Amino acid sequence: MAQVLEFRLPDLGEGLTEAEIVRWLVEVGDVVAVDQPVVEVETAKAMVEVPCPYGGVVTARFGAEGTELPVGSPLLTVAVGAESPEGAAGLTTGGESAAAGSGTGGGDGGGGDSSGDGAASGSGNVLVGYGTTAPAARRRRVRPVVQTANGAAGPRETPRTAPEASVTGALLGAADGPVPVISPLVRRLARESGLDLRQLDGSGPDGLILRTDVERAIRTAESAPAVVQAPAPDPAPAPVTVAAPAPAMRVPLKGVRGAVADKLSRSRREIPDATCWVDADATELMAARTAMNSGGSLGSAPKVSVLALLARICTAALARFPELNSTVDTEAREIVRLPEVHLGFAAQTGRGLVVPVVRDAHARNVESLGEEIVRLTEAARAGRLTPAQLTGGTFTLNNYGVFGVDGSTPIINHPEAAMLGVGRIVPKPWVHEGELAVRKVVQLSLTFDHRVCDGGTAGGFLRYVADCVEQPALLLRTL
């Protein structure tokens, strides 16, 4: 006999306490294997697939798509140990199970071996949520069955509800004679439009007049040709229909959007930030990039992006001004200068703004930085980033120039101490070598935590970045 085990939403790590159901990968009646992904959830860090530690028949799901569940709440139940699909007879759908009250697994839903012949054991995973490499079992739909009156098993049938007219028929005309309409909204709409409901044929059950019938009659009257008549004395004013204002749209702050809102709000509350900016001539930097990507002896080497060059400039500048690669311990009242540079970069995706982190950016060259940026960007747009790839940054590079804007005042990515913003690179008139010329100019802005340094350090950092943009050869000193 099958045993029904309950699988609860596991702890996905990184201090996360809830997750939103994005897409169910199985349905009630499907047969699942051990460690097969059953649901795709979105946390404040990333979107992950959650595998089930049991193998058997899915008997119930808890939570519709878009529902946010806390960690430890029931996710689904699985009938374990059934030798054939008929072993799941009598199971219901819609989040309930006929045997859920007597056959659940351990209280935490994530452990304990099932008993009985053919029972499958748990996967043994401690941290669940990043998907498994084992191929998913082919789904088999189990059609629930019930016992018929003569004791034979037959397919479950959904009881038909009585027609709406049988419930409301007694109310027809209760307040307005024999007119077959019960909706006050329909009555008001007809009254404001000057329609006689007794002259309309309803399309509802037993001739019930619906709102669509009234609106159709109004459109027919408006499209009918006008009849020229003699003006009547003291004509009554035509009724004026005022459309009700559309309700305001409410978007819940949850998932990635909620996490971004919380982090930016905390940054504004805790960090006394300041911003300085400078315009730089990026003509030589763009020429150097063109030379790097022209081929030559490099053959099929990957193309170097502007973002990769700027990332390398940032790591060189942080080596000269380590104060900006730090964080503030408010409880100990200490500034913690960090030895490694884990460079975050802002990436816009369909799920919102995320900041992937390039680990050990200080130890990478331009080519390595570019490859890692491309890899993380593709994973971000596909929703495959793990929480570990979105946390632990020490400095952030924000290239908002891709949106066609020149400047901005970035908000520091808490608990970091600074962020460099880069605007678009556009041709502008510029004084070059004593003469007016058209050069490729970019605006650079640095927002920094005034607790970790003063304006002199921040200005020195930004000036060095601008000098490297204008004279890329300066980077040769740090290679």
Protein backbone atom coordinates (compact mmCIF):
# COMPACT_ATOMS: atom_id res chain seq x y z
CA MET A 1 0.00 0.00 0.00
CA ALA A 2 1.32 3.44 -0.91
CA GLN A 3 2.50 5.81 1.80
CA VAL A 4 1.86 9.54 1.28
CA LEU A 5 4.87 11.69 2.21
CA GLU A 6 4.86 15.46 2.51
CA PHE A 7 7.67 17.50 0.94
CA ARG A 8 8.17 20.94 2.45
CA LEU A 9 9.88 23.98 0.91
CA PRO A 10 13.56 23.52 1.87
CA ASP A 11 16.01 26.12 3.16
CA LEU A 12 17.64 27.56 0.04
CA GLY A 13 20.53 29.12 1.96
CA GLU A 14 21.88 32.67 2.21
CA GLY A 15 19.42 33.49 5.01
CA LEU A 16 16.37 33.33 2.74
CA THR A 17 13.05 32.85 4.51
CA GLU A 18 10.53 32.65 1.67
CA ALA A 19 10.23 31.94 -2.06
CA GLU A 20 7.66 32.64 -4.76
CA ILE A 21 6.31 29.82 -6.93
CA VAL A 22 7.08 30.77 -10.53
CA ARG A 23 6.16 27.59 -12.40
CA TRP A 24 5.10 24.09 -11.43
CA LEU A 25 7.05 21.43 -13.34
CA VAL A 26 4.72 18.58 -12.34
CA GLU A 27 0.97 18.17 -11.88
CA VAL A 28 -1.18 16.06 -9.61
CA GLY A 29 -1.06 12.50 -10.93
CA ASP A 30 2.44 12.76 -12.43
CA VAL A 31 5.04 10.13 -11.54
CA VAL A 32 8.30 11.67 -10.29
CA ALA A 33 11.72 10.21 -9.61
CA VAL A 34 14.05 10.94 -6.73
CA ASP A 35 15.75 14.35 -7.16
CA GLN A 36 13.54 15.29 -10.09
CA PRO A 37 12.86 19.08 -10.23
CA VAL A 38 9.19 19.64 -9.39
CA VAL A 39 8.84 23.43 -9.10
CA GLU A 40 10.66 26.58 -10.15
CA VAL A 41 10.81 29.24 -7.42
CA GLU A 42 12.15 32.77 -7.23
CA THR A 43 13.89 34.03 -4.14
CA ALA A 44 15.28 37.44 -3.35
CA LYS A 45 18.57 36.22 -4.81
CA ALA A 46 17.84 34.09 -7.88
CA MET A 47 15.46 31.73 -9.66
CA VAL A 48 16.09 28.05 -8.91
CA GLU A 49 14.52 24.64 -9.50
CA VAL A 50 13.64 22.62 -6.42
CA PRO A 51 14.07 18.81 -6.67
CA CYS A 52 11.89 16.37 -4.74
CA PRO A 53 13.67 13.87 -2.46
CA TYR A 54 10.94 11.23 -2.96
CA GLY A 55 9.95 9.07 -5.90
CA GLY A 56 6.31 8.25 -6.51
CA VAL A 57 3.00 9.76 -7.61
CA VAL A 58 2.23 13.42 -6.94
CA THR A 59 -1.01 13.52 -4.96
CA ALA A 60 -1.29 17.22 -4.09
CA ARG A 61 0.34 20.59 -4.70
CA PHE A 62 0.24 23.49 -2.26
CA GLY A 63 0.25 27.01 -3.66
CA ALA A 64 -0.62 28.37 -7.09
CA GLU A 65 1.90 30.02 -9.37
CA GLY A 66 2.66 33.49 -8.04
CA THR A 67 2.11 32.45 -4.41
CA GLU A 68 4.83 33.26 -1.89
CA LEU A 69 5.54 30.46 0.61
CA PRO A 70 7.71 30.58 3.75
CA VAL A 71 10.51 28.07 4.17
CA GLY A 72 9.20 24.91 5.82
CA SER A 73 5.64 25.17 4.52
CA PRO A 74 4.13 22.18 2.62
CA LEU A 75 5.02 22.14 -1.08
CA LEU A 76 3.56 18.88 -2.35
CA THR A 77 2.73 15.31 -1.29
CA VAL A 78 3.94 12.14 -2.98
CA ALA A 79 2.48 8.62 -2.77
CA VAL A 80 5.56 6.43 -2.31
CA GLY A 81 5.57 2.67 -2.75
CA ALA A 82 2.72 2.30 -5.27
CA GLU A 83 3.42 -0.58 -7.61
CA SER A 84 1.10 0.73 -10.32
CA PRO A 85 -0.75 3.94 -11.14
CA GLU A 86 -3.93 2.35 -9.74
CA GLY A 87 -2.27 2.46 -6.31
CA ALA A 88 -3.11 6.14 -6.11
CA ALA A 89 -6.88 5.53 -6.28
CA GLY A 90 -9.05 7.86 -4.30
CA LEU A 91 -6.57 10.79 -4.39
CA THR A 92 -7.94 14.27 -4.80
CA THR A 93 -6.59 17.32 -6.59
CA GLY A 94 -6.35 20.99 -5.76
CA GLY A 95 -3.94 20.75 -2.82
CA GLU A 96 -5.65 18.06 -0.69
CA SER A 97 -5.03 14.34 -0.23
CA ALA A 98 -7.37 11.74 1.17
CA ALA A 99 -4.49 10.14 3.08
CA ALA A 100 -2.53 13.27 3.95
CA GLY A 101 -3.72 13.17 7.53
CA SER A 102 -2.33 9.73 8.27
CA GLY A 103 0.66 9.13 6.02
CA THR A 104 2.88 12.18 6.12
CA GLY A 105 6.62 11.85 6.56
CA GLY A 106 8.78 13.55 9.13
CA GLY A 107 7.66 16.82 10.58
CA ASP A 108 10.18 18.77 8.53
CA GLY A 109 9.15 17.10 5.26
CA GLY A 110 12.72 16.54 4.26
CA GLY A 111 13.87 13.30 5.87
CA GLY A 112 12.93 9.82 7.03
CA ASP A 113 12.76 6.65 4.96
CA SER A 114 9.38 5.45 3.79
CA SER A 115 8.19 1.97 4.68
CA GLY A 116 6.43 -0.71 2.71
CA ASP A 117 7.37 -2.75 -0.30
CA GLY A 118 8.99 -0.76 -3.07
CA ALA A 119 9.18 2.45 -1.03
CA ALA A 120 11.70 4.99 -2.28
CA SER A 121 14.11 6.65 0.10
CA GLY A 122 14.96 10.35 0.28
CA SER A 123 17.69 11.87 -1.83
CA GLY A 124 19.81 12.76 1.19
CA ASN A 125 20.40 16.31 -0.06
CA VAL A 126 21.10 18.81 2.67
CA LEU A 127 20.78 21.98 0.58
CA VAL A 128 18.09 21.75 -2.06
CA GLY A 129 17.25 24.30 -4.72
CA TYR A 130 19.90 24.56 -7.37
CA GLY A 131 18.65 21.71 -9.56
CA THR A 132 20.14 18.29 -10.12
CA THR A 133 22.01 16.77 -12.99
CA ALA A 134 20.01 13.53 -13.02
CA PRO A 135 17.53 13.36 -15.94
CA ALA A 136 13.90 13.86 -15.02
CA ALA A 137 11.62 10.85 -15.17
CA ARG A 138 9.05 10.74 -17.93
CA ARG A 139 5.70 11.91 -16.64
CA ARG A 140 2.75 9.55 -16.44
CA ARG A 141 -0.62 11.00 -15.65
CA VAL A 142 -2.69 9.08 -13.09
CA ARG A 143 -6.40 9.60 -13.51
CA PRO A 144 -7.98 9.58 -10.04
CA VAL A 145 -10.71 6.97 -9.53
CA VAL A 146 -13.54 6.57 -7.03
CA GLN A 147 -15.75 3.74 -5.88
CA THR A 148 -19.07 3.58 -7.69
CA ALA A 149 -22.36 2.56 -6.10
CA ASN A 150 -21.90 -1.13 -6.99
CA GLY A 151 -18.38 -1.17 -5.52
CA ALA A 152 -16.54 -1.01 -8.86
CA ALA A 153 -13.88 1.61 -9.42
CA GLY A 154 -14.71 4.20 -12.01
CA PRO A 155 -13.38 7.58 -13.21
CA ARG A 156 -14.05 10.55 -10.99
CA GLU A 157 -16.71 12.92 -12.29
CA THR A 158 -17.06 16.53 -11.33
CA PRO A 159 -20.60 17.16 -10.07
CA ARG A 160 -22.47 19.62 -12.22
CA THR A 161 -23.73 22.70 -10.49
CA ALA A 162 -27.29 23.81 -11.01
CA PRO A 163 -27.78 26.43 -13.74
CA GLU A 164 -27.53 29.97 -12.57
CA ALA A 165 -31.09 30.64 -13.71
CA SER A 166 -32.50 28.09 -11.25
CA VAL A 167 -30.89 29.98 -8.36
CA THR A 168 -31.73 33.46 -9.50
CA GLY A 169 -34.99 32.77 -11.27
CA ALA A 170 -36.98 33.44 -8.13
CA LEU A 171 -35.39 36.88 -7.90
CA LEU A 172 -36.22 37.97 -11.44
CA GLY A 173 -38.55 40.88 -11.38
CA ALA A 174 -38.63 41.00 -7.61
CA ALA A 175 -37.89 44.73 -7.64
CA ASP A 176 -38.95 45.70 -11.19
CA GLY A 177 -41.89 43.61 -12.29
CA PRO A 178 -41.40 40.77 -14.74
CA VAL A 179 -38.18 42.15 -16.32
CA PRO A 180 -35.65 39.25 -16.33
CA VAL A 181 -32.65 41.08 -14.79
CA ILE A 182 -31.20 40.90 -11.30
CA SER A 183 -28.00 42.97 -11.56
CA PRO A 184 -28.28 46.53 -10.17
CA LEU A 185 -25.37 47.50 -12.42
CA VAL A 186 -27.29 46.37 -15.51
CA ARG A 187 -30.37 48.31 -14.38
CA ARG A 188 -28.39 51.49 -13.77
CA LEU A 189 -26.57 51.20 -17.11
CA ALA A 190 -29.89 50.83 -18.92
CA ARG A 191 -31.46 53.69 -17.00
CA GLU A 192 -28.55 56.07 -17.74
CA SER A 193 -28.65 55.13 -21.44
CA GLY A 194 -32.43 55.51 -21.74
CA LEU A 195 -33.07 51.86 -22.63
CA ASP A 196 -36.28 49.96 -21.89
CA LEU A 197 -35.24 46.60 -20.50
CA ARG A 198 -38.61 45.07 -21.45
CA GLN A 199 -37.70 45.46 -25.12
CA LEU A 200 -34.42 43.52 -24.82
CA ASP A 201 -33.91 39.78 -25.31
CA GLY A 202 -31.55 38.40 -22.71
CA SER A 203 -28.77 36.00 -23.66
CA GLY A 204 -28.45 34.52 -20.17
CA PRO A 205 -30.14 31.42 -18.76
CA ASP A 206 -33.96 31.56 -19.13
CA GLY A 207 -33.67 34.89 -20.97
CA LEU A 208 -31.73 36.67 -18.20
CA ILE A 209 -30.59 40.11 -19.38
CA LEU A 210 -26.84 40.51 -18.94
CA ARG A 211 -24.58 43.53 -19.09
CA THR A 212 -23.35 42.49 -22.52
CA ASP A 213 -26.95 42.64 -23.80
CA VAL A 214 -27.34 46.23 -22.59
CA GLU A 215 -23.98 47.32 -24.00
CA ARG A 216 -24.83 45.73 -27.35
CA ALA A 217 -28.11 47.63 -27.45
CA ILE A 218 -26.30 50.90 -26.65
CA ARG A 219 -23.82 50.34 -29.49
CA THR A 220 -26.65 49.53 -31.88
CA ALA A 221 -28.49 52.72 -30.95
CA GLU A 222 -25.34 54.82 -31.39
CA SER A 223 -24.56 53.36 -34.83
CA ALA A 224 -28.13 53.75 -36.13
CA PRO A 225 -28.67 56.62 -38.68
CA ALA A 226 -29.95 59.81 -37.12
CA VAL A 227 -33.57 60.76 -37.83
CA VAL A 228 -34.23 64.45 -38.45
CA GLN A 229 -37.16 65.59 -36.35
CA ALA A 230 -38.69 68.90 -35.51
CA PRO A 231 -37.29 70.32 -32.33
CA ALA A 232 -39.55 69.55 -29.42
CA PRO A 233 -40.30 72.27 -26.93
CA ASP A 234 -38.18 72.17 -23.79
CA PRO A 235 -36.17 69.06 -24.70
CA ALA A 236 -34.90 67.08 -21.75
CA PRO A 237 -31.12 66.98 -21.44
CA ALA A 238 -29.54 63.75 -22.69
CA PRO A 239 -28.17 61.53 -19.93
CA VAL A 240 -24.42 61.79 -19.52
CA THR A 241 -22.49 58.60 -18.78
CA VAL A 242 -19.31 59.24 -16.83
CA ALA A 243 -16.81 56.41 -17.03
CA ALA A 244 -15.49 55.31 -13.68
CA PRO A 245 -11.77 55.97 -13.24
CA ALA A 246 -9.57 52.94 -13.69
CA PRO A 247 -8.21 51.57 -10.41
CA ALA A 248 -4.54 52.12 -9.63
CA MET A 249 -2.28 49.17 -10.35
CA ARG A 250 -0.54 47.69 -7.32
CA VAL A 251 2.72 45.81 -7.88
CA PRO A 252 3.94 43.79 -4.88
CA LEU A 253 7.52 44.41 -3.77
CA LYS A 254 8.74 40.84 -3.59
CA GLY A 255 11.34 38.58 -5.14
CA VAL A 256 14.23 40.38 -6.85
CA ARG A 257 12.36 43.70 -6.93
CA GLY A 258 11.73 43.52 -3.20
CA ALA A 259 15.35 42.62 -2.44
CA VAL A 260 16.59 45.57 -4.51
CA ALA A 261 14.16 47.92 -2.74
CA ASP A 262 15.32 46.75 0.70
CA LYS A 263 19.02 47.06 -0.14
CA LEU A 264 18.73 50.53 -1.71
CA SER A 265 16.58 51.80 1.17
CA ARG A 266 19.12 50.52 3.68
CA SER A 267 21.93 52.15 1.71
CA ARG A 268 20.18 55.52 1.86
CA ARG A 269 19.45 55.18 5.58
CA GLU A 270 22.90 54.06 6.75
CA ILE A 271 25.49 55.42 4.32
CA PRO A 272 26.38 59.15 4.21
CA ASP A 273 27.18 59.14 0.51
CA ALA A 274 28.64 61.83 -1.71
CA THR A 275 29.12 61.99 -5.48
CA CYS A 276 31.79 63.54 -7.68
CA TRP A 277 32.04 63.34 -11.46
CA VAL A 278 34.29 64.28 -14.37
CA ASP A 279 34.18 64.25 -18.18
CA ALA A 280 36.90 62.24 -19.90
CA ASP A 281 38.11 61.95 -23.50
CA ALA A 282 37.62 58.26 -24.33
CA THR A 283 38.89 58.52 -27.91
CA GLU A 284 42.17 56.74 -27.18
CA LEU A 285 40.43 54.05 -25.14
CA MET A 286 38.06 53.27 -28.02
CA ALA A 287 41.00 53.21 -30.44
CA ALA A 288 42.85 50.77 -28.18
CA ARG A 289 39.79 48.53 -28.05
CA THR A 290 39.53 48.57 -31.85
CA ALA A 291 43.19 47.59 -32.11
CA MET A 292 42.70 44.74 -29.63
CA ASN A 293 39.76 43.38 -31.61
CA SER A 294 41.30 43.79 -35.06
CA GLY A 295 42.68 40.24 -35.03
CA GLY A 296 46.24 40.04 -36.24
CA SER A 297 48.30 37.42 -34.44
CA LEU A 298 45.56 36.92 -31.82
CA GLY A 299 43.53 34.87 -34.27
CA SER A 300 40.10 34.01 -32.90
CA ALA A 301 40.59 35.58 -29.47
CA PRO A 302 37.35 36.79 -27.83
CA LYS A 303 36.38 40.41 -28.43
CA VAL A 304 37.26 42.89 -25.71
CA SER A 305 34.29 44.92 -24.45
CA VAL A 306 34.33 48.47 -23.11
CA LEU A 307 33.00 47.13 -19.80
CA ALA A 308 35.96 44.74 -19.51
CA LEU A 309 38.41 47.61 -20.06
CA LEU A 310 36.64 49.74 -17.46
CA ALA A 311 36.67 46.80 -15.03
CA ARG A 312 40.43 46.47 -15.44
CA ILE A 313 40.82 50.22 -14.89
CA CYS A 314 38.77 49.93 -11.68
CA THR A 315 40.95 47.16 -10.25
CA ALA A 316 44.07 49.21 -11.01
CA ALA A 317 42.55 52.27 -9.34
CA LEU A 318 41.50 50.27 -6.25
CA ALA A 319 45.08 49.04 -5.90
CA ARG A 320 46.14 52.69 -5.61
CA PHE A 321 43.20 53.74 -3.41
CA PRO A 322 42.32 50.70 -1.24
CA GLU A 323 40.16 52.86 1.05
CA LEU A 324 37.32 52.49 -1.46
CA ASN A 325 37.51 48.68 -1.38
CA SER A 326 36.20 48.45 2.16
CA THR A 327 33.13 48.24 4.36
CA VAL A 328 32.08 49.77 7.68
CA ASP A 329 31.46 47.65 10.79
CA THR A 330 28.96 49.88 12.58
CA GLU A 331 28.86 47.78 15.76
CA ALA A 332 32.64 47.79 16.22
CA ARG A 333 32.95 51.32 14.74
CA GLU A 334 35.71 50.14 12.43
CA ILE A 335 36.52 50.46 8.73
CA VAL A 336 37.34 47.03 7.28
CA ARG A 337 39.66 47.23 4.26
CA LEU A 338 39.29 44.10 2.15
CA PRO A 339 42.31 42.40 0.53
CA GLU A 340 40.48 40.98 -2.49
CA VAL A 341 38.47 42.86 -5.12
CA HIS A 342 35.19 41.12 -5.93
CA LEU A 343 33.83 43.37 -8.65
CA GLY A 344 30.07 43.62 -9.09
CA PHE A 345 28.53 44.99 -12.27
CA ALA A 346 24.95 46.06 -12.83
CA ALA A 347 23.02 43.95 -15.36
CA GLN A 348 19.48 44.67 -16.51
CA THR A 349 17.36 41.54 -17.08
CA GLY A 350 13.75 40.69 -17.66
CA ARG A 351 13.39 40.06 -13.92
CA GLY A 352 14.88 43.45 -13.00
CA LEU A 353 18.27 44.80 -12.05
CA VAL A 354 20.78 42.29 -10.68
CA VAL A 355 24.45 42.68 -9.74
CA PRO A 356 26.55 39.59 -10.56
CA VAL A 357 29.97 39.48 -8.91
CA VAL A 358 33.29 38.71 -10.62
CA ARG A 359 35.38 36.93 -7.98
CA ASP A 360 39.05 37.91 -7.54
CA ALA A 361 38.83 40.61 -10.20
CA HIS A 362 42.18 42.04 -9.04
CA ALA A 363 43.93 38.88 -10.26
CA ARG A 364 42.38 38.88 -13.76
CA ASN A 365 43.49 40.53 -16.98
CA VAL A 366 41.17 42.23 -19.48
CA GLU A 367 40.47 39.04 -21.40
CA SER A 368 39.63 37.05 -18.28
CA LEU A 369 37.39 39.84 -16.96
CA GLY A 370 35.54 40.02 -20.28
CA GLU A 371 34.92 36.27 -20.41
CA GLU A 372 33.58 36.20 -16.83
CA ILE A 373 31.34 39.23 -17.45
CA VAL A 374 29.86 37.57 -20.53
CA ARG A 375 29.27 34.29 -18.68
CA LEU A 376 27.58 35.94 -15.72
CA THR A 377 25.47 38.21 -17.94
CA GLU A 378 24.13 35.25 -19.91
CA ALA A 379 23.32 33.40 -16.69
CA ALA A 380 21.58 36.48 -15.29
CA ARG A 381 19.34 36.89 -18.33
CA ALA A 382 18.47 33.20 -18.25
CA GLY A 383 17.68 33.36 -14.52
CA ARG A 384 20.37 30.80 -13.64
CA LEU A 385 22.45 32.87 -11.20
CA THR A 386 22.87 31.33 -7.77
CA PRO A 387 22.77 33.39 -4.56
CA ALA A 388 26.55 32.97 -4.22
CA GLN A 389 27.04 34.69 -7.59
CA LEU A 390 24.97 37.68 -6.49
CA THR A 391 26.58 38.37 -3.10
CA GLY A 392 29.97 39.20 -1.65
CA GLY A 393 30.88 42.14 -3.89
CA THR A 394 33.35 44.77 -2.61
CA PHE A 395 33.00 47.41 -5.37
CA THR A 396 30.41 47.91 -8.12
CA LEU A 397 30.72 49.17 -11.70
CA ASN A 398 27.49 50.57 -13.18
CA ASN A 399 27.45 51.18 -16.94
CA TYR A 400 24.17 53.09 -17.30
CA GLY A 401 25.38 54.53 -20.60
CA VAL A 402 23.75 51.54 -22.33
CA PHE A 403 20.40 53.26 -21.59
CA GLY A 404 21.45 56.32 -23.59
CA VAL A 405 22.06 58.64 -20.62
CA ASP A 406 25.11 60.75 -19.87
CA GLY A 407 25.21 60.93 -16.08
CA SER A 408 23.69 59.69 -12.86
CA THR A 409 24.22 59.64 -9.09
CA PRO A 410 24.46 55.91 -8.28
CA ILE A 411 23.23 54.50 -4.96
CA ILE A 412 25.93 52.47 -3.22
CA ASN A 413 25.35 48.73 -3.16
CA HIS A 414 25.26 48.17 0.62
CA PRO A 415 27.52 47.20 2.41
CA GLU A 416 30.12 48.34 -0.12
CA ALA A 417 31.81 51.74 0.10
CA ALA A 418 31.70 53.04 -3.47
CA MET A 419 30.27 52.66 -6.96
CA LEU A 420 31.60 53.96 -10.27
CA GLY A 421 29.00 55.06 -12.82
CA VAL A 422 29.75 55.32 -16.55
CA GLY A 423 27.62 57.27 -19.01
CA ARG A 424 27.35 56.87 -22.77
CA ILE A 425 30.37 57.58 -24.98
CA VAL A 426 29.34 60.17 -27.58
CA PRO A 427 31.12 62.56 -29.98
CA LYS A 428 31.38 66.05 -28.48
CA PRO A 429 33.41 69.20 -29.14
CA TRP A 430 36.60 68.98 -27.08
CA VAL A 431 39.81 70.93 -26.80
CA HIS A 432 42.53 68.50 -27.86
CA GLU A 433 46.19 69.59 -28.01
CA GLY A 434 45.17 73.24 -27.97
CA GLU A 435 42.62 72.97 -30.76
CA LEU A 436 38.88 72.40 -30.88
CA ALA A 437 38.08 68.92 -32.17
CA VAL A 438 35.32 66.33 -32.10
CA ARG A 439 36.25 63.66 -29.58
CA LYS A 440 34.48 60.70 -27.94
CA VAL A 441 33.59 61.90 -24.46
CA VAL A 442 32.23 60.00 -21.45
CA GLN A 443 31.05 61.21 -18.05
CA LEU A 444 32.31 59.27 -15.02
CA SER A 445 30.68 59.57 -11.60
CA LEU A 446 31.82 58.14 -8.27
CA THR A 447 29.47 57.77 -5.31
CA PHE A 448 31.40 56.97 -2.13
CA ASP A 449 30.83 56.44 1.59
CA HIS A 450 32.14 59.58 3.28
CA ARG A 451 32.92 57.55 6.41
CA VAL A 452 35.69 55.58 4.71
CA CYS A 453 37.48 58.50 3.04
CA ASP A 454 37.37 62.20 2.31
CA GLY A 455 36.91 64.00 -0.98
CA GLY A 456 40.64 64.01 -1.68
CA THR A 457 40.81 60.21 -1.85
CA ALA A 458 37.61 59.95 -3.88
CA GLY A 459 38.79 62.67 -6.26
CA GLY A 460 42.17 60.96 -6.67
CA PHE A 461 40.50 57.66 -7.49
CA LEU A 462 38.19 59.25 -10.07
CA ARG A 463 40.99 61.29 -11.61
CA TYR A 464 43.14 58.17 -12.03
CA VAL A 465 40.24 56.36 -13.72
CA ALA A 466 39.75 59.32 -16.07
CA ASP A 467 43.49 59.43 -16.86
CA CYS A 468 43.46 55.72 -17.76
CA VAL A 469 40.43 56.30 -20.01
CA GLU A 470 42.21 59.15 -21.77
CA GLN A 471 45.63 57.42 -21.83
CA PRO A 472 45.18 53.60 -21.75
CA ALA A 473 48.97 53.19 -21.79
CA LEU A 474 48.97 54.05 -18.08
CA LEU A 475 47.59 50.56 -17.46
CA LEU A 476 50.86 49.06 -18.67
CA ARG A 477 52.39 49.99 -15.33
CA THR A 478 50.02 47.63 -13.51
CA LEU A 479 50.20 44.65 -15.90
